[in-house]
Full PDB file with SEQRES, HELIX, SHEET, SSBOND, CRYST1, ORIGX, SCALE, CONECT and MASTER records, all heavy atoms in Angstrom:
SEQRES   1 A   38  ALA VAL CYS ALA ALA LEU LEU SER VAL GLY MET LEU ALA          
SEQRES   2 A   38  TRP LEU MET GLU ARG ALA LEU VAL ARG PRO LEU ARG ALA          
SEQRES   3 A   38  ARG PRO ALA TRP VAL LEU THR LEU LEU THR LEU ALA              
HELIX    1 AA1 VAL A    2  MET A   16  1                                  15    
HELIX    2 AA2 GLU A   17  VAL A   21  3                                   5    
HELIX    3 AA3 ARG A   22  LEU A   24  5                                   3    
HELIX    4 AA4 ALA A   29  LEU A   37  1                                   9    
CRYST1    1.000    1.000    1.000  90.00  90.00  90.00 P 1           1          
ORIGX1      1.000000  0.000000  0.000000        0.00000                         
ORIGX2      0.000000  1.000000  0.000000        0.00000                         
ORIGX3      0.000000  0.000000  1.000000        0.00000                         
SCALE1      1.000000  0.000000  0.000000        0.00000                         
SCALE2      0.000000  1.000000  0.000000        0.00000                         
SCALE3      0.000000  0.000000  1.000000        0.00000                         
ATOM      1  N   ALA A   1      51.791  21.802  65.825  1.00  0.00           N  
ATOM      2  CA  ALA A   1      51.388  20.455  66.278  1.00  0.00           C  
ATOM      3  C   ALA A   1      51.406  20.355  67.807  1.00  0.00           C  
ATOM      4  O   ALA A   1      50.529  19.761  68.400  1.00  0.00           O  
ATOM      5  CB  ALA A   1      52.337  19.408  65.669  1.00  0.00           C  
ATOM      6  N   VAL A   2      52.399  20.969  68.428  1.00  0.00           N  
ATOM      7  CA  VAL A   2      52.501  20.909  69.895  1.00  0.00           C  
ATOM      8  C   VAL A   2      51.334  21.703  70.504  1.00  0.00           C  
ATOM      9  O   VAL A   2      50.679  21.228  71.460  1.00  0.00           O  
ATOM     10  CB  VAL A   2      53.863  21.463  70.357  1.00  0.00           C  
ATOM     11  CG1 VAL A   2      53.851  21.772  71.865  1.00  0.00           C  
ATOM     12  CG2 VAL A   2      54.965  20.491  70.002  1.00  0.00           C  
ATOM     13  N   CYS A   3      51.035  22.883  69.994  1.00  0.00           N  
ATOM     14  CA  CYS A   3      49.923  23.678  70.532  1.00  0.00           C  
ATOM     15  C   CYS A   3      48.589  22.968  70.337  1.00  0.00           C  
ATOM     16  O   CYS A   3      47.780  22.932  71.252  1.00  0.00           O  
ATOM     17  CB  CYS A   3      49.867  25.056  69.843  1.00  0.00           C  
ATOM     18  SG  CYS A   3      51.214  26.149  70.326  1.00  0.00           S  
ATOM     19  N   ALA A   4      48.383  22.341  69.161  1.00  0.00           N  
ATOM     20  CA  ALA A   4      47.165  21.607  68.915  1.00  0.00           C  
ATOM     21  C   ALA A   4      47.052  20.400  69.890  1.00  0.00           C  
ATOM     22  O   ALA A   4      45.961  20.094  70.373  1.00  0.00           O  
ATOM     23  CB  ALA A   4      47.101  21.132  67.470  1.00  0.00           C  
ATOM     24  N   ALA A   5      48.165  19.711  70.121  1.00  0.00           N  
ATOM     25  CA  ALA A   5      48.140  18.557  71.015  1.00  0.00           C  
ATOM     26  C   ALA A   5      47.815  18.986  72.443  1.00  0.00           C  
ATOM     27  O   ALA A   5      46.949  18.371  73.089  1.00  0.00           O  
ATOM     28  CB  ALA A   5      49.501  17.850  70.979  1.00  0.00           C  
ATOM     29  N   LEU A   6      48.424  20.087  72.893  1.00  0.00           N  
ATOM     30  CA  LEU A   6      48.148  20.572  74.243  1.00  0.00           C  
ATOM     31  C   LEU A   6      46.691  21.047  74.372  1.00  0.00           C  
ATOM     32  O   LEU A   6      46.028  20.767  75.403  1.00  0.00           O  
ATOM     33  CB  LEU A   6      49.085  21.688  74.645  1.00  0.00           C  
ATOM     34  CG  LEU A   6      50.565  21.281  74.827  1.00  0.00           C  
ATOM     35  CD1 LEU A   6      51.433  22.490  75.069  1.00  0.00           C  
ATOM     36  CD2 LEU A   6      50.675  20.274  75.970  1.00  0.00           C  
ATOM     37  N   LEU A   7      46.197  21.751  73.361  1.00  0.00           N  
ATOM     38  CA  LEU A   7      44.813  22.208  73.391  1.00  0.00           C  
ATOM     39  C   LEU A   7      43.835  21.021  73.425  1.00  0.00           C  
ATOM     40  O   LEU A   7      42.854  21.035  74.190  1.00  0.00           O  
ATOM     41  CB  LEU A   7      44.534  23.098  72.183  1.00  0.00           C  
ATOM     42  CG  LEU A   7      43.147  23.704  72.087  1.00  0.00           C  
ATOM     43  CD1 LEU A   7      42.887  24.627  73.278  1.00  0.00           C  
ATOM     44  CD2 LEU A   7      42.991  24.451  70.770  1.00  0.00           C  
ATOM     45  N   SER A   8      44.116  20.008  72.618  1.00  0.00           N  
ATOM     46  CA  SER A   8      43.245  18.825  72.579  1.00  0.00           C  
ATOM     47  C   SER A   8      43.240  18.087  73.902  1.00  0.00           C  
ATOM     48  O   SER A   8      42.182  17.697  74.431  1.00  0.00           O  
ATOM     49  CB  SER A   8      43.708  17.867  71.457  1.00  0.00           C  
ATOM     50  OG  SER A   8      43.653  18.520  70.215  1.00  0.00           O  
ATOM     51  N   VAL A   9      44.413  17.904  74.499  1.00  0.00           N  
ATOM     52  CA  VAL A   9      44.459  17.193  75.806  1.00  0.00           C  
ATOM     53  C   VAL A   9      43.755  18.006  76.875  1.00  0.00           C  
ATOM     54  O   VAL A   9      43.024  17.491  77.696  1.00  0.00           O  
ATOM     55  CB  VAL A   9      45.937  16.899  76.189  1.00  0.00           C  
ATOM     56  CG1 VAL A   9      46.058  16.450  77.635  1.00  0.00           C  
ATOM     57  CG2 VAL A   9      46.538  15.873  75.252  1.00  0.00           C  
ATOM     58  N   GLY A  10      43.957  19.322  76.858  1.00  0.00           N  
ATOM     59  CA  GLY A  10      43.260  20.199  77.837  1.00  0.00           C  
ATOM     60  C   GLY A  10      41.767  20.127  77.709  1.00  0.00           C  
ATOM     61  O   GLY A  10      41.038  20.046  78.699  1.00  0.00           O  
ATOM     62  N   MET A  11      41.292  20.153  76.466  1.00  0.00           N  
ATOM     63  CA  MET A  11      39.835  20.074  76.238  1.00  0.00           C  
ATOM     64  C   MET A  11      39.258  18.731  76.708  1.00  0.00           C  
ATOM     65  O   MET A  11      38.211  18.655  77.324  1.00  0.00           O  
ATOM     66  CB  MET A  11      39.533  20.283  74.747  1.00  0.00           C  
ATOM     67  CG  MET A  11      39.806  21.657  74.254  1.00  0.00           C  
ATOM     68  SD  MET A  11      38.535  22.847  74.622  1.00  0.00           S  
ATOM     69  CE  MET A  11      37.181  22.217  73.663  1.00  0.00           C  
ATOM     70  N   LEU A  12      39.970  17.636  76.404  1.00  0.00           N  
ATOM     71  CA  LEU A  12      39.487  16.309  76.819  1.00  0.00           C  
ATOM     72  C   LEU A  12      39.506  16.182  78.354  1.00  0.00           C  
ATOM     73  O   LEU A  12      38.581  15.582  78.913  1.00  0.00           O  
ATOM     74  CB  LEU A  12      40.370  15.220  76.189  1.00  0.00           C  
ATOM     75  CG  LEU A  12      40.117  15.015  74.671  1.00  0.00           C  
ATOM     76  CD1 LEU A  12      41.135  14.032  74.118  1.00  0.00           C  
ATOM     77  CD2 LEU A  12      38.724  14.503  74.428  1.00  0.00           C  
ATOM     78  N   ALA A  13      40.533  16.720  78.996  1.00  0.00           N  
ATOM     79  CA  ALA A  13      40.559  16.668  80.473  1.00  0.00           C  
ATOM     80  C   ALA A  13      39.409  17.497  81.062  1.00  0.00           C  
ATOM     81  O   ALA A  13      38.816  17.085  82.054  1.00  0.00           O  
ATOM     82  CB  ALA A  13      41.924  17.175  80.975  1.00  0.00           C  
ATOM     83  N   TRP A  14      39.136  18.650  80.457  1.00  0.00           N  
ATOM     84  CA  TRP A  14      38.014  19.458  80.927  1.00  0.00           C  
ATOM     85  C   TRP A  14      36.701  18.732  80.783  1.00  0.00           C  
ATOM     86  O   TRP A  14      35.868  18.706  81.682  1.00  0.00           O  
ATOM     87  CB  TRP A  14      38.001  20.789  80.191  1.00  0.00           C  
ATOM     88  CG  TRP A  14      36.892  21.688  80.591  1.00  0.00           C  
ATOM     89  CD1 TRP A  14      36.852  22.497  81.693  1.00  0.00           C  
ATOM     90  CD2 TRP A  14      35.660  21.869  79.920  1.00  0.00           C  
ATOM     91  NE1 TRP A  14      35.669  23.181  81.746  1.00  0.00           N  
ATOM     92  CE2 TRP A  14      34.922  22.827  80.662  1.00  0.00           C  
ATOM     93  CE3 TRP A  14      35.111  21.359  78.752  1.00  0.00           C  
ATOM     94  CZ2 TRP A  14      33.643  23.247  80.267  1.00  0.00           C  
ATOM     95  CZ3 TRP A  14      33.823  21.765  78.354  1.00  0.00           C  
ATOM     96  CH2 TRP A  14      33.118  22.696  79.135  1.00  0.00           C  
ATOM     97  N   LEU A  15      36.512  18.081  79.603  1.00  0.00           N  
ATOM     98  CA  LEU A  15      35.289  17.289  79.370  1.00  0.00           C  
ATOM     99  C   LEU A  15      35.178  16.137  80.360  1.00  0.00           C  
ATOM    100  O   LEU A  15      34.072  15.837  80.855  1.00  0.00           O  
ATOM    101  CB  LEU A  15      35.253  16.759  77.963  1.00  0.00           C  
ATOM    102  CG  LEU A  15      34.880  17.794  76.869  1.00  0.00           C  
ATOM    103  CD1 LEU A  15      35.093  17.159  75.491  1.00  0.00           C  
ATOM    104  CD2 LEU A  15      33.464  18.250  77.049  1.00  0.00           C  
ATOM    105  N   MET A  16      36.296  15.508  80.629  1.00  0.00           N  
ATOM    106  CA  MET A  16      36.289  14.391  81.583  1.00  0.00           C  
ATOM    107  C   MET A  16      35.841  14.886  82.978  1.00  0.00           C  
ATOM    108  O   MET A  16      35.034  14.227  83.614  1.00  0.00           O  
ATOM    109  CB  MET A  16      37.674  13.766  81.675  1.00  0.00           C  
ATOM    110  CG  MET A  16      37.803  12.655  82.676  1.00  0.00           C  
ATOM    111  SD  MET A  16      39.483  12.054  82.724  1.00  0.00           S  
ATOM    112  CE  MET A  16      39.758  11.998  84.463  1.00  0.00           C  
ATOM    113  N   GLU A  17      36.378  16.027  83.378  1.00  0.00           N  
ATOM    114  CA  GLU A  17      36.011  16.547  84.716  1.00  0.00           C  
ATOM    115  C   GLU A  17      34.549  16.936  84.765  1.00  0.00           C  
ATOM    116  O   GLU A  17      33.849  16.637  85.696  1.00  0.00           O  
ATOM    117  CB  GLU A  17      36.909  17.732  85.052  1.00  0.00           C  
ATOM    118  CG  GLU A  17      36.860  18.115  86.542  1.00  0.00           C  
ATOM    119  CD  GLU A  17      35.682  18.962  86.909  1.00  0.00           C  
ATOM    120  OE1 GLU A  17      35.133  19.689  86.070  1.00  0.00           O  
ATOM    121  OE2 GLU A  17      35.261  18.925  88.097  1.00  0.00           O  
ATOM    122  N   ARG A  18      34.077  17.609  83.703  1.00  0.00           N  
ATOM    123  CA  ARG A  18      32.691  18.045  83.678  1.00  0.00           C  
ATOM    124  C   ARG A  18      31.685  16.895  83.572  1.00  0.00           C  
ATOM    125  O   ARG A  18      30.707  16.874  84.278  1.00  0.00           O  
ATOM    126  CB  ARG A  18      32.456  18.983  82.454  1.00  0.00           C  
ATOM    127  CG  ARG A  18      33.143  20.321  82.545  1.00  0.00           C  
ATOM    128  CD  ARG A  18      32.450  21.236  83.498  1.00  0.00           C  
ATOM    129  NE  ARG A  18      31.099  21.486  83.084  1.00  0.00           N  
ATOM    130  CZ  ARG A  18      30.474  22.622  83.244  1.00  0.00           C  
ATOM    131  NH1 ARG A  18      31.088  23.634  83.781  1.00  0.00           N  
ATOM    132  NH2 ARG A  18      29.233  22.742  82.882  1.00  0.00           N  
ATOM    133  N   ALA A  19      31.949  15.952  82.665  1.00  0.00           N  
ATOM    134  CA  ALA A  19      30.950  14.918  82.367  1.00  0.00           C  
ATOM    135  C   ALA A  19      31.073  13.679  83.284  1.00  0.00           C  
ATOM    136  O   ALA A  19      30.075  13.005  83.494  1.00  0.00           O  
ATOM    137  CB  ALA A  19      31.082  14.501  80.911  1.00  0.00           C  
ATOM    138  N   LEU A  20      32.262  13.364  83.764  1.00  0.00           N  
ATOM    139  CA  LEU A  20      32.445  12.140  84.482  1.00  0.00           C  
ATOM    140  C   LEU A  20      32.799  12.352  85.981  1.00  0.00           C  
ATOM    141  O   LEU A  20      32.197  11.700  86.836  1.00  0.00           O  
ATOM    142  CB  LEU A  20      33.550  11.306  83.855  1.00  0.00           C  
ATOM    143  CG  LEU A  20      33.352  10.916  82.383  1.00  0.00           C  
ATOM    144  CD1 LEU A  20      34.572  10.214  81.812  1.00  0.00           C  
ATOM    145  CD2 LEU A  20      32.102  10.042  82.254  1.00  0.00           C  
ATOM    146  N   VAL A  21      33.745  13.189  86.262  1.00  0.00           N  
ATOM    147  CA  VAL A  21      34.226  13.365  87.638  1.00  0.00           C  
ATOM    148  C   VAL A  21      33.206  14.149  88.483  1.00  0.00           C  
ATOM    149  O   VAL A  21      32.880  13.741  89.582  1.00  0.00           O  
ATOM    150  CB  VAL A  21      35.604  14.045  87.643  1.00  0.00           C  
ATOM    151  CG1 VAL A  21      36.010  14.357  89.098  1.00  0.00           C  
ATOM    152  CG2 VAL A  21      36.614  13.171  86.973  1.00  0.00           C  
ATOM    153  N   ARG A  22      32.741  15.261  87.954  1.00  0.00           N  
ATOM    154  CA  ARG A  22      31.871  16.146  88.757  1.00  0.00           C  
ATOM    155  C   ARG A  22      30.572  15.431  89.205  1.00  0.00           C  
ATOM    156  O   ARG A  22      30.199  15.563  90.376  1.00  0.00           O  
ATOM    157  CB  ARG A  22      31.541  17.392  87.944  1.00  0.00           C  
ATOM    158  CG  ARG A  22      30.808  18.441  88.776  1.00  0.00           C  
ATOM    159  CD  ARG A  22      30.675  19.721  88.045  1.00  0.00           C  
ATOM    160  NE  ARG A  22      31.957  20.345  87.773  1.00  0.00           N  
ATOM    161  CZ  ARG A  22      32.108  21.504  87.156  1.00  0.00           C  
ATOM    162  NH1 ARG A  22      31.040  22.157  86.726  1.00  0.00           N  
ATOM    163  NH2 ARG A  22      33.298  22.009  86.941  1.00  0.00           N  
ATOM    164  N   PRO A  23      29.910  14.680  88.350  1.00  0.00           N  
ATOM    165  CA  PRO A  23      28.682  13.999  88.846  1.00  0.00           C  
ATOM    166  C   PRO A  23      28.957  12.947  89.920  1.00  0.00           C  
ATOM    167  O   PRO A  23      28.041  12.598  90.667  1.00  0.00           O  
ATOM    168  CB  PRO A  23      28.126  13.339  87.576  1.00  0.00           C  
ATOM    169  CG  PRO A  23      28.681  14.117  86.429  1.00  0.00           C  
ATOM    170  CD  PRO A  23      30.040  14.515  86.883  1.00  0.00           C  
ATOM    171  N   LEU A  24      30.196  12.415  89.975  1.00  0.00           N  
ATOM    172  CA  LEU A  24      30.489  11.375  90.929  1.00  0.00           C  
ATOM    173  C   LEU A  24      31.277  11.864  92.152  1.00  0.00           C  
ATOM    174  O   LEU A  24      31.820  11.082  92.926  1.00  0.00           O  
ATOM    175  CB  LEU A  24      31.285  10.272  90.250  1.00  0.00           C  
ATOM    176  CG  LEU A  24      30.553   9.520  89.100  1.00  0.00           C  
ATOM    177  CD1 LEU A  24      31.478   8.546  88.443  1.00  0.00           C  
ATOM    178  CD2 LEU A  24      29.303   8.839  89.656  1.00  0.00           C  
ATOM    179  N   ARG A  25      31.352  13.191  92.313  1.00  0.00           N  
ATOM    180  CA  ARG A  25      32.189  13.742  93.368  1.00  0.00           C  
ATOM    181  C   ARG A  25      31.751  13.313  94.775  1.00  0.00           C  
ATOM    182  O   ARG A  25      32.559  13.130  95.650  1.00  0.00           O  
ATOM    183  CB  ARG A  25      32.212  15.267  93.288  1.00  0.00           C  
ATOM    184  CG  ARG A  25      33.186  15.866  94.289  1.00  0.00           C  
ATOM    185  CD  ARG A  25      33.569  17.258  93.960  1.00  0.00           C  
ATOM    186  NE  ARG A  25      34.107  17.463  92.668  1.00  0.00           N  
ATOM    187  CZ  ARG A  25      35.352  17.219  92.292  1.00  0.00           C  
ATOM    188  NH1 ARG A  25      36.163  16.642  93.134  1.00  0.00           N  
ATOM    189  NH2 ARG A  25      35.777  17.498  91.103  1.00  0.00           N  
ATOM    190  N   ALA A  26      30.446  13.069  94.962  1.00  0.00           N  
ATOM    191  CA  ALA A  26      29.948  12.661  96.286  1.00  0.00           C  
ATOM    192  C   ALA A  26      30.222  11.181  96.551  1.00  0.00           C  
ATOM    193  O   ALA A  26      30.005  10.709  97.649  1.00  0.00           O  
ATOM    194  CB  ALA A  26      28.462  12.977  96.376  1.00  0.00           C  
ATOM    195  N   ARG A  27      30.626  10.452  95.560  1.00  0.00           N  
ATOM    196  CA  ARG A  27      30.892   9.015  95.734  1.00  0.00           C  
ATOM    197  C   ARG A  27      32.206   8.793  96.431  1.00  0.00           C  
ATOM    198  O   ARG A  27      33.022   9.689  96.557  1.00  0.00           O  
ATOM    199  CB  ARG A  27      30.908   8.329  94.344  1.00  0.00           C  
ATOM    200  CG  ARG A  27      29.645   8.485  93.543  1.00  0.00           C  
ATOM    201  CD  ARG A  27      28.601   7.609  94.058  1.00  0.00           C  
ATOM    202  NE  ARG A  27      27.368   7.738  93.243  1.00  0.00           N  
ATOM    203  CZ  ARG A  27      26.397   6.890  93.302  1.00  0.00           C  
ATOM    204  NH1 ARG A  27      26.443   5.874  94.129  1.00  0.00           N  
ATOM    205  NH2 ARG A  27      25.328   7.073  92.576  1.00  0.00           N  
ATOM    206  N   PRO A  28      32.459   7.559  96.895  1.00  0.00           N  
ATOM    207  CA  PRO A  28      33.756   7.264  97.524  1.00  0.00           C  
ATOM    208  C   PRO A  28      34.902   7.486  96.558  1.00  0.00           C  
ATOM    209  O   PRO A  28      34.743   7.432  95.349  1.00  0.00           O  
ATOM    210  CB  PRO A  28      33.632   5.786  97.925  1.00  0.00           C  
ATOM    211  CG  PRO A  28      32.149   5.525  97.970  1.00  0.00           C  
ATOM    212  CD  PRO A  28      31.526   6.440  96.964  1.00  0.00           C  
ATOM    213  N   ALA A  29      36.094   7.742  97.149  1.00  0.00           N  
ATOM    214  CA  ALA A  29      37.276   8.053  96.313  1.00  0.00           C  
ATOM    215  C   ALA A  29      37.634   6.915  95.353  1.00  0.00           C  
ATOM    216  O   ALA A  29      38.113   7.177  94.256  1.00  0.00           O  
ATOM    217  CB  ALA A  29      38.465   8.390  97.210  1.00  0.00           C  
ATOM    218  N   TRP A  30      37.380   5.654  95.771  1.00  0.00           N  
ATOM    219  CA  TRP A  30      37.787   4.535  94.911  1.00  0.00           C  
ATOM    220  C   TRP A  30      36.940   4.546  93.599  1.00  0.00           C  
ATOM    221  O   TRP A  30      37.403   4.073  92.596  1.00  0.00           O  
ATOM    222  CB  TRP A  30      37.682   3.231  95.626  1.00  0.00           C  
ATOM    223  CG  TRP A  30      36.278   2.849  96.070  1.00  0.00           C  
ATOM    224  CD1 TRP A  30      35.728   3.117  97.274  1.00  0.00           C  
ATOM    225  CD2 TRP A  30      35.303   2.156  95.301  1.00  0.00           C  
ATOM    226  NE1 TRP A  30      34.442   2.608  97.339  1.00  0.00           N  
ATOM    227  CE2 TRP A  30      34.144   2.008  96.135  1.00  0.00           C  
ATOM    228  CE3 TRP A  30      35.274   1.618  94.028  1.00  0.00           C  
ATOM    229  CZ2 TRP A  30      32.994   1.383  95.705  1.00  0.00           C  
ATOM    230  CZ3 TRP A  30      34.142   0.958  93.598  1.00  0.00           C  
ATOM    231  CH2 TRP A  30      33.019   0.840  94.420  1.00  0.00           C  
ATOM    232  N   VAL A  31      35.732   5.129  93.648  1.00  0.00           N  
ATOM    233  CA  VAL A  31      34.919   5.198  92.437  1.00  0.00           C  
ATOM    234  C   VAL A  31      35.602   6.117  91.424  1.00  0.00           C  
ATOM    235  O   VAL A  31      35.671   5.791  90.232  1.00  0.00           O  
ATOM    236  CB  VAL A  31      33.482   5.666  92.757  1.00  0.00           C  
ATOM    237  CG1 VAL A  31      32.661   5.910  91.511  1.00  0.00           C  
ATOM    238  CG2 VAL A  31      32.787   4.683  93.678  1.00  0.00           C  
ATOM    239  N   LEU A  32      36.066   7.265  91.895  1.00  0.00           N  
ATOM    240  CA  LEU A  32      36.763   8.185  90.991  1.00  0.00           C  
ATOM    241  C   LEU A  32      38.069   7.580  90.466  1.00  0.00           C  
ATOM    242  O   LEU A  32      38.455   7.787  89.300  1.00  0.00           O  
ATOM    243  CB  LEU A  32      37.029   9.517  91.690  1.00  0.00           C  
ATOM    244  CG  LEU A  32      35.817  10.408  91.919  1.00  0.00           C  
ATOM    245  CD1 LEU A  32      36.193  11.649  92.696  1.00  0.00           C  
ATOM    246  CD2 LEU A  32      35.160  10.777  90.616  1.00  0.00           C  
ATOM    247  N   THR A  33      38.751   6.839  91.326  1.00  0.00           N  
ATOM    248  CA  THR A  33      39.996   6.198  90.886  1.00  0.00           C  
ATOM    249  C   THR A  33      39.719   5.197  89.793  1.00  0.00           C  
ATOM    250  O   THR A  33      40.435   5.150  88.764  1.00  0.00           O  
ATOM    251  CB  THR A  33      40.703   5.522  92.098  1.00  0.00           C  
ATOM    252  OG1 THR A  33      40.963   6.488  93.082  1.00  0.00           O  
ATOM    253  CG2 THR A  33      41.995   4.881  91.670  1.00  0.00           C  
ATOM    254  N   LEU A  34      38.674   4.407  89.955  1.00  0.00           N  
ATOM    255  CA  LEU A  34      38.289   3.446  88.902  1.00  0.00           C  
ATOM    256  C   LEU A  34      37.852   4.154  87.621  1.00  0.00           C  
ATOM    257  O   LEU A  34      38.104   3.693  86.521  1.00  0.00           O  
ATOM    258  CB  LEU A  34      37.209   2.521  89.399  1.00  0.00           C  
ATOM    259  CG  LEU A  34      37.625   1.471  90.418  1.00  0.00           C  
ATOM    260  CD1 LEU A  34      36.438   0.624  90.856  1.00  0.00           C  
ATOM    261  CD2 LEU A  34      38.743   0.548  89.862  1.00  0.00           C  
ATOM    262  N   LEU A  35      37.208   5.309  87.810  1.00  0.00           N  
ATOM    263  CA  LEU A  35      36.795   6.099  86.643  1.00  0.00           C  
ATOM    264  C   LEU A  35      38.021   6.558  85.853  1.00  0.00           C  
ATOM    265  O   LEU A  35      38.030   6.492  84.617  1.00  0.00           O  
ATOM    266  CB  LEU A  35      35.964   7.296  87.085  1.00  0.00           C  
ATOM    267  CG  LEU A  35      35.638   8.292  86.010  1.00  0.00           C  
ATOM    268  CD1 LEU A  35      34.596   7.713  85.062  1.00  0.00           C  
ATOM    269  CD2 LEU A  35      35.076   9.583  86.631  1.00  0.00           C  
ATOM    270  N   THR A  36      39.041   7.010  86.559  1.00  0.00           N  
ATOM    271  CA  THR A  36      40.262   7.443  85.820  1.00  0.00           C  
ATOM    272  C   THR A  36      40.937   6.271  85.144  1.00  0.00           C  
ATOM    273  O   THR A  36      41.533   6.405  84.091  1.00  0.00           O  
ATOM    274  CB  THR A  36      41.238   8.140  86.796  1.00  0.00           C  
ATOM    275  OG1 THR A  36      41.738   7.239  87.781  1.00  0.00           O  
ATOM    276  CG2 THR A  36      40.632   9.382  87.433  1.00  0.00           C  
ATOM    277  N   LEU A  37      40.842   5.080  85.766  1.00  0.00           N  
ATOM    278  CA  LEU A  37      41.383   3.897  85.097  1.00  0.00           C  
ATOM    279  C   LEU A  37      40.631   3.584  83.825  1.00  0.00           C  
ATOM    280  O   LEU A  37      41.214   3.214  82.815  1.00  0.00           O  
ATOM    281  CB  LEU A  37      41.321   2.685  86.060  1.00  0.00           C  
ATOM    282  CG  LEU A  37      41.901   1.368  85.547  1.00  0.00           C  
ATOM    283  CD1 LEU A  37      43.379   1.498  85.219  1.00  0.00           C  
ATOM    284  CD2 LEU A  37      41.672   0.266  86.566  1.00  0.00           C  
ATOM    285  N   ALA A  38      39.286   3.729  83.847  1.00  0.00           N  
ATOM    286  CA  ALA A  38      38.496   3.494  82.642  1.00  0.00           C  
ATOM    287  C   ALA A  38      38.864   4.519  81.571  1.00  0.00           C  
ATOM    288  O   ALA A  38      38.978   4.138  80.382  1.00  0.00           O  
ATOM    289  CB  ALA A  38      36.994   3.581  82.996  1.00  0.00           C  
TER     290      ALA A  38                                                      
MASTER        0    0    0    4    0    0    0    6  289    1    0    3          
END                                                                             
């Protein structure tokens, strides 16, 4: 259960960086901060 939880969280964080953070990297920092809040 612990390994599955860590793997799932890691995959979701990777997806978040690829799909949400990376396309907005050129935007101001507050945009990324609001994205993490969402």
